[in-house]
Amino acid sequence: MTPEEPTAHLPRLFDAGSSSFVAALRQQAPDAVPPILNGPLPPELRSQLVDGTTVLAVVARDGVVIAGDRRATAGHVISRGDMRKVFPADDSSAIAISGAAGPAMELARVFATELEHYEKVEGEPLSLEGRSNKLAGLVRAHLPLAMQGLVVVPLFAGVDQRTGDRGIFEYDPVGGRYRATDCAATGSGALSARTTLKRLADPDAEIGTAIRTAVEALFNAAEEDSATGGPDLIRRIYPIVAVIDQDGYRELDDEEVAGHVEAVIDTLRR
């Protein structure tokens, strides 16, 4: 290495000057980027694809609650009863997924890597708005697969640690981004979930109340939508519920969620 070429031994990744992980990956290892399928999916393959269903988020006074049921379907068959649909994006935000399960989970992983890569390159995390825009770009890049039936519709929620801003963002399959006010839901049971959320969601409520609202909305969605799974009290499989506040992202354990489920059931019995 000559003095005039101090970076000649480094991979091209460091020459890109890009804070986008996907862009850097395309330059450094293009074969690692999944190819785009050609033509529509055969019906027999589409019927075997696993779909995630209902996810939602609720704004509270001190943060945001994001939750998802655990059922996944393949056509008219229940494929899984313990699917994870809520993932931490970073220390203060989360992504919940609905739609084609495989691409949706991959999108969640890529999104988390994008945020981590950006922070390492730029030296500071993206703002909440910036993170929501980054996810919109990833959804938009997924459009060719969505046109073939592999639709992914995420939900993003978080807290901006610098400003205290609490936010929920919805997306459409072509990358449109929409900021919700107090609550949002997406997936096959979204209509029923929204009915409950509109009635109970309160942005000035405490976190515990928002958790109860999220659990009740999922419970009611499961009552109306066959693709949405309710709490399985026998196998002790409960919705995944996460809280994001100034202390960061944390998931409730099964005992905590079970307590809220029992409280909702007691309320509905009256």
Protein backbone atom coordinates (compact mmCIF):
# COMPACT_ATOMS: atom_id res chain seq x y z
CA MET A 1 0.00 0.00 0.00
CA THR A 2 1.44 3.35 -1.03
CA PRO A 3 1.06 6.55 1.02
CA GLU A 4 -1.25 7.88 -1.68
CA GLU A 5 -3.66 4.96 -1.17
CA PRO A 6 -4.35 4.75 2.60
CA THR A 7 -7.65 2.91 2.14
CA ALA A 8 -6.65 0.51 -0.60
CA HIS A 9 -6.81 -2.46 1.79
CA LEU A 10 -10.36 -1.66 2.93
CA PRO A 11 -13.46 -3.16 1.29
CA ARG A 12 -15.57 -0.98 -0.99
CA LEU A 13 -18.18 -0.68 1.74
CA PHE A 14 -16.12 2.03 3.40
CA ASP A 15 -15.84 3.98 0.14
CA ALA A 16 -19.60 4.15 -0.37
CA GLY A 17 -20.22 6.92 2.12
CA SER A 18 -23.80 5.69 2.45
CA SER A 19 -25.77 5.39 5.68
CA SER A 20 -28.11 2.89 4.01
CA PHE A 21 -27.29 -0.74 4.77
CA VAL A 22 -29.21 -2.01 1.74
CA ALA A 23 -27.38 0.37 -0.59
CA ALA A 24 -24.04 -0.68 0.87
CA LEU A 25 -24.99 -4.35 0.55
CA ARG A 26 -25.95 -3.90 -3.11
CA GLN A 27 -22.52 -2.40 -3.78
CA GLN A 28 -20.43 -4.78 -1.68
CA ALA A 29 -22.32 -8.06 -2.16
CA PRO A 30 -25.03 -7.76 -4.83
CA ASP A 31 -25.61 -11.52 -4.80
CA ALA A 32 -26.83 -11.24 -1.20
CA VAL A 33 -29.79 -9.06 -2.23
CA PRO A 34 -32.77 -11.34 -2.98
CA PRO A 35 -33.71 -11.39 -6.68
CA ILE A 36 -37.12 -10.28 -7.90
CA LEU A 37 -39.42 -13.10 -8.96
CA ASN A 38 -40.70 -13.11 -12.52
CA GLY A 39 -44.40 -13.61 -13.15
CA PRO A 40 -47.29 -14.19 -10.75
CA LEU A 41 -47.15 -16.86 -8.07
CA PRO A 42 -48.85 -20.14 -9.01
CA PRO A 43 -52.16 -20.60 -7.12
CA GLU A 44 -50.95 -23.82 -5.52
CA LEU A 45 -47.94 -21.98 -4.07
CA ARG A 46 -50.00 -18.98 -2.95
CA SER A 47 -52.30 -21.26 -0.93
CA GLN A 48 -49.28 -22.55 1.02
CA LEU A 49 -47.93 -19.13 1.97
CA VAL A 50 -48.14 -18.23 5.64
CA ASP A 51 -49.85 -14.92 6.47
CA GLY A 52 -49.65 -12.94 9.67
CA THR A 53 -52.84 -11.19 10.69
CA THR A 54 -53.77 -8.51 13.23
CA VAL A 55 -51.40 -5.99 14.82
CA LEU A 56 -52.15 -2.65 16.47
CA ALA A 57 -50.69 0.24 18.44
CA VAL A 58 -52.03 2.71 21.01
CA VAL A 59 -50.62 6.04 22.20
CA ALA A 60 -50.51 6.59 25.97
CA ARG A 61 -49.49 9.56 28.09
CA ASP A 62 -45.95 8.33 28.67
CA GLY A 63 -45.33 6.20 25.59
CA VAL A 64 -46.76 3.82 23.03
CA VAL A 65 -48.11 0.27 23.30
CA ILE A 66 -47.78 -2.06 20.30
CA ALA A 67 -49.24 -5.56 20.16
CA GLY A 68 -50.08 -8.46 17.87
CA ASP A 69 -51.99 -11.72 18.00
CA ARG A 70 -50.14 -15.02 17.52
CA ARG A 71 -52.10 -16.78 14.75
CA ALA A 72 -50.76 -17.34 11.25
CA THR A 73 -52.81 -18.81 8.43
CA ALA A 74 -52.09 -20.59 5.14
CA GLY A 75 -55.14 -20.26 2.99
CA HIS A 76 -58.06 -21.40 5.16
CA VAL A 77 -55.82 -23.41 7.50
CA ILE A 78 -54.32 -22.24 10.80
CA SER A 79 -50.60 -22.61 10.16
CA ARG A 80 -49.20 -21.50 13.52
CA GLY A 81 -50.61 -20.45 16.85
CA ASP A 82 -47.46 -18.88 18.25
CA MET A 83 -46.15 -16.58 15.52
CA ARG A 84 -44.25 -13.45 16.54
CA LYS A 85 -45.46 -10.28 14.82
CA VAL A 86 -43.90 -7.58 17.00
CA PHE A 87 -40.16 -6.87 16.78
CA PRO A 88 -37.94 -4.19 18.31
CA ALA A 89 -36.57 -1.92 15.57
CA ASP A 90 -34.10 -0.25 17.94
CA ASP A 91 -33.99 0.83 21.58
CA SER A 92 -36.99 3.14 21.29
CA SER A 93 -39.18 1.88 18.43
CA ALA A 94 -40.83 -1.28 17.16
CA ILE A 95 -42.28 -2.74 13.99
CA ALA A 96 -45.32 -4.99 13.84
CA ILE A 97 -45.99 -7.02 10.72
CA SER A 98 -49.01 -8.33 8.83
CA GLY A 99 -49.23 -9.96 5.42
CA ALA A 100 -46.93 -12.57 3.87
CA ALA A 101 -45.05 -13.85 6.91
CA GLY A 102 -41.67 -14.69 5.35
CA PRO A 103 -41.10 -11.38 3.55
CA ALA A 104 -42.61 -9.49 6.50
CA MET A 105 -40.17 -10.98 9.02
CA GLU A 106 -37.31 -10.33 6.60
CA LEU A 107 -38.45 -6.72 6.27
CA ALA A 108 -38.41 -6.33 10.06
CA ARG A 109 -34.85 -7.69 10.26
CA VAL A 110 -33.59 -5.51 7.41
CA PHE A 111 -35.24 -2.45 8.94
CA ALA A 112 -33.54 -3.04 12.31
CA THR A 113 -30.21 -3.50 10.52
CA GLU A 114 -30.78 -0.29 8.54
CA LEU A 115 -31.30 1.69 11.74
CA GLU A 116 -28.25 0.16 13.42
CA HIS A 117 -26.11 0.79 10.33
CA TYR A 118 -27.27 4.40 10.09
CA GLU A 119 -26.42 5.08 13.73
CA LYS A 120 -22.94 3.57 13.35
CA VAL A 121 -22.19 5.54 10.18
CA GLU A 122 -23.71 8.87 11.23
CA GLY A 123 -22.89 8.67 14.93
CA GLU A 124 -26.47 9.34 16.07
CA PRO A 125 -29.84 7.66 15.66
CA LEU A 126 -32.48 8.77 13.19
CA SER A 127 -35.38 10.86 14.45
CA LEU A 128 -38.73 9.13 14.79
CA GLU A 129 -39.90 10.74 11.53
CA GLY A 130 -36.70 9.66 9.85
CA ARG A 131 -37.15 6.07 10.96
CA SER A 132 -40.73 6.03 9.69
CA ASN A 133 -39.56 7.37 6.33
CA LYS A 134 -36.80 4.75 6.16
CA LEU A 135 -39.40 2.00 6.61
CA ALA A 136 -41.58 3.56 3.90
CA GLY A 137 -38.66 3.25 1.50
CA LEU A 138 -38.21 -0.44 2.33
CA VAL A 139 -41.92 -1.12 1.80
CA ARG A 140 -41.78 0.74 -1.52
CA ALA A 141 -38.79 -1.36 -2.60
CA HIS A 142 -40.88 -4.46 -1.87
CA LEU A 143 -43.53 -3.40 -4.43
CA PRO A 144 -42.50 -5.91 -7.17
CA LEU A 145 -43.13 -8.77 -4.75
CA ALA A 146 -46.35 -7.18 -3.51
CA MET A 147 -47.60 -7.11 -7.11
CA GLN A 148 -47.18 -10.88 -7.16
CA GLY A 149 -49.26 -11.40 -4.02
CA LEU A 150 -46.53 -11.22 -1.36
CA VAL A 151 -48.05 -8.17 0.29
CA VAL A 152 -46.41 -6.84 3.47
CA VAL A 153 -48.14 -4.14 5.53
CA PRO A 154 -46.18 -3.09 8.64
CA LEU A 155 -47.06 -0.86 11.57
CA PHE A 156 -44.35 1.30 13.16
CA ALA A 157 -44.43 2.94 16.58
CA GLY A 158 -41.90 4.58 18.82
CA VAL A 159 -40.76 7.44 21.00
CA ASP A 160 -38.20 10.06 19.98
CA GLN A 161 -35.77 10.07 22.90
CA ARG A 162 -34.61 13.59 22.12
CA THR A 163 -38.01 15.29 21.87
CA GLY A 164 -40.31 12.88 23.72
CA ASP A 165 -42.49 12.68 20.59
CA ARG A 166 -44.76 9.59 20.58
CA GLY A 167 -45.84 8.34 17.19
CA ILE A 168 -47.61 5.58 15.28
CA PHE A 169 -47.22 5.21 11.52
CA GLU A 170 -49.32 3.14 9.13
CA TYR A 171 -48.31 2.04 5.62
CA ASP A 172 -49.96 0.80 2.47
CA PRO A 173 -48.50 -1.91 0.20
CA VAL A 174 -46.91 0.65 -2.16
CA GLY A 175 -44.98 2.48 0.57
CA GLY A 176 -47.45 5.21 1.48
CA ARG A 177 -46.82 6.46 5.02
CA TYR A 178 -49.56 7.85 7.25
CA ARG A 179 -49.20 9.13 10.78
CA ALA A 180 -51.97 7.93 13.09
CA THR A 181 -53.39 10.12 15.84
CA ASP A 182 -54.15 8.00 18.89
CA CYS A 183 -54.25 4.43 17.59
CA ALA A 184 -53.91 2.22 14.52
CA ALA A 185 -54.48 -1.37 13.43
CA THR A 186 -53.70 -3.39 10.34
CA GLY A 187 -54.27 -6.93 9.16
CA SER A 188 -57.35 -9.08 8.62
CA GLY A 189 -58.90 -8.21 11.99
CA ALA A 190 -58.11 -4.51 11.77
CA LEU A 191 -61.71 -3.40 11.25
CA SER A 192 -62.93 -4.99 14.48
CA ALA A 193 -59.82 -3.90 16.36
CA ARG A 194 -60.28 -0.28 15.25
CA THR A 195 -63.85 -0.29 16.53
CA THR A 196 -62.58 -1.07 20.01
CA LEU A 197 -59.61 1.28 19.75
CA LYS A 198 -61.75 4.23 18.68
CA ARG A 199 -63.99 3.67 21.68
CA LEU A 200 -61.30 3.16 24.31
CA ALA A 201 -58.02 4.72 23.14
CA ASP A 202 -57.00 7.81 25.12
CA PRO A 203 -53.63 9.51 24.47
CA ASP A 204 -53.67 10.86 28.04
CA ALA A 205 -54.21 7.45 29.65
CA GLU A 206 -51.58 5.64 31.67
CA ILE A 207 -49.55 2.86 30.08
CA GLY A 208 -51.47 0.18 31.99
CA THR A 209 -54.77 1.43 30.59
CA ALA A 210 -53.35 1.50 27.06
CA ILE A 211 -52.17 -2.10 27.47
CA ARG A 212 -55.66 -3.13 28.57
CA THR A 213 -57.13 -1.35 25.54
CA ALA A 214 -54.73 -3.13 23.16
CA VAL A 215 -55.51 -6.55 24.67
CA GLU A 216 -59.26 -5.95 24.49
CA ALA A 217 -59.02 -4.80 20.86
CA LEU A 218 -57.17 -7.99 19.90
CA PHE A 219 -59.67 -10.07 21.87
CA ASN A 220 -62.60 -8.48 20.03
CA ALA A 221 -60.85 -8.85 16.67
CA ALA A 222 -60.43 -12.58 17.35
CA GLU A 223 -64.16 -12.82 18.02
CA GLU A 224 -65.00 -11.43 14.56
CA ASP A 225 -62.09 -12.56 12.37
CA SER A 226 -61.22 -16.23 11.99
CA ALA A 227 -57.63 -15.42 10.98
CA THR A 228 -56.96 -13.57 14.25
CA GLY A 229 -56.08 -15.75 17.21
CA GLY A 230 -57.41 -15.04 20.67
CA PRO A 231 -55.48 -15.84 23.86
CA ASP A 232 -54.93 -19.58 24.28
CA LEU A 233 -55.56 -20.10 27.99
CA ILE A 234 -54.85 -23.85 27.84
CA ARG A 235 -51.43 -23.62 26.16
CA ARG A 236 -50.79 -20.20 27.74
CA ILE A 237 -50.10 -18.50 24.43
CA TYR A 238 -50.89 -14.82 24.73
CA PRO A 239 -50.57 -11.80 22.43
CA ILE A 240 -47.16 -10.17 22.28
CA VAL A 241 -47.45 -6.76 23.91
CA ALA A 242 -44.60 -4.25 24.06
CA VAL A 243 -44.27 -0.84 25.69
CA ILE A 244 -42.05 1.92 24.33
CA ASP A 245 -41.36 4.92 26.54
CA GLN A 246 -38.46 7.12 27.64
CA ASP A 247 -36.84 4.04 29.20
CA GLY A 248 -36.87 2.27 25.83
CA TYR A 249 -38.49 -0.88 24.43
CA ARG A 250 -39.69 -3.69 26.69
CA GLU A 251 -41.96 -6.66 26.15
CA LEU A 252 -44.43 -7.78 28.77
CA ASP A 253 -43.88 -11.32 29.98
CA ASP A 254 -46.62 -13.93 29.78
CA GLU A 255 -47.71 -13.41 33.39
CA GLU A 256 -48.25 -9.70 32.84
CA VAL A 257 -50.22 -10.25 29.63
CA ALA A 258 -52.23 -13.03 31.27
CA GLY A 259 -53.26 -10.61 34.01
CA HIS A 260 -54.57 -8.14 31.46
CA VAL A 261 -56.34 -10.91 29.51
CA GLU A 262 -58.12 -12.07 32.68
CA ALA A 263 -59.16 -8.48 33.46
CA VAL A 264 -60.61 -8.09 29.95
CA ILE A 265 -62.50 -11.39 30.21
CA ASP A 266 -63.92 -10.36 33.59
CA THR A 267 -65.07 -7.05 32.11
CA LEU A 268 -66.75 -8.73 29.14
CA ARG A 269 -68.56 -11.19 31.42
CA ARG A 270 -70.40 -8.38 33.21
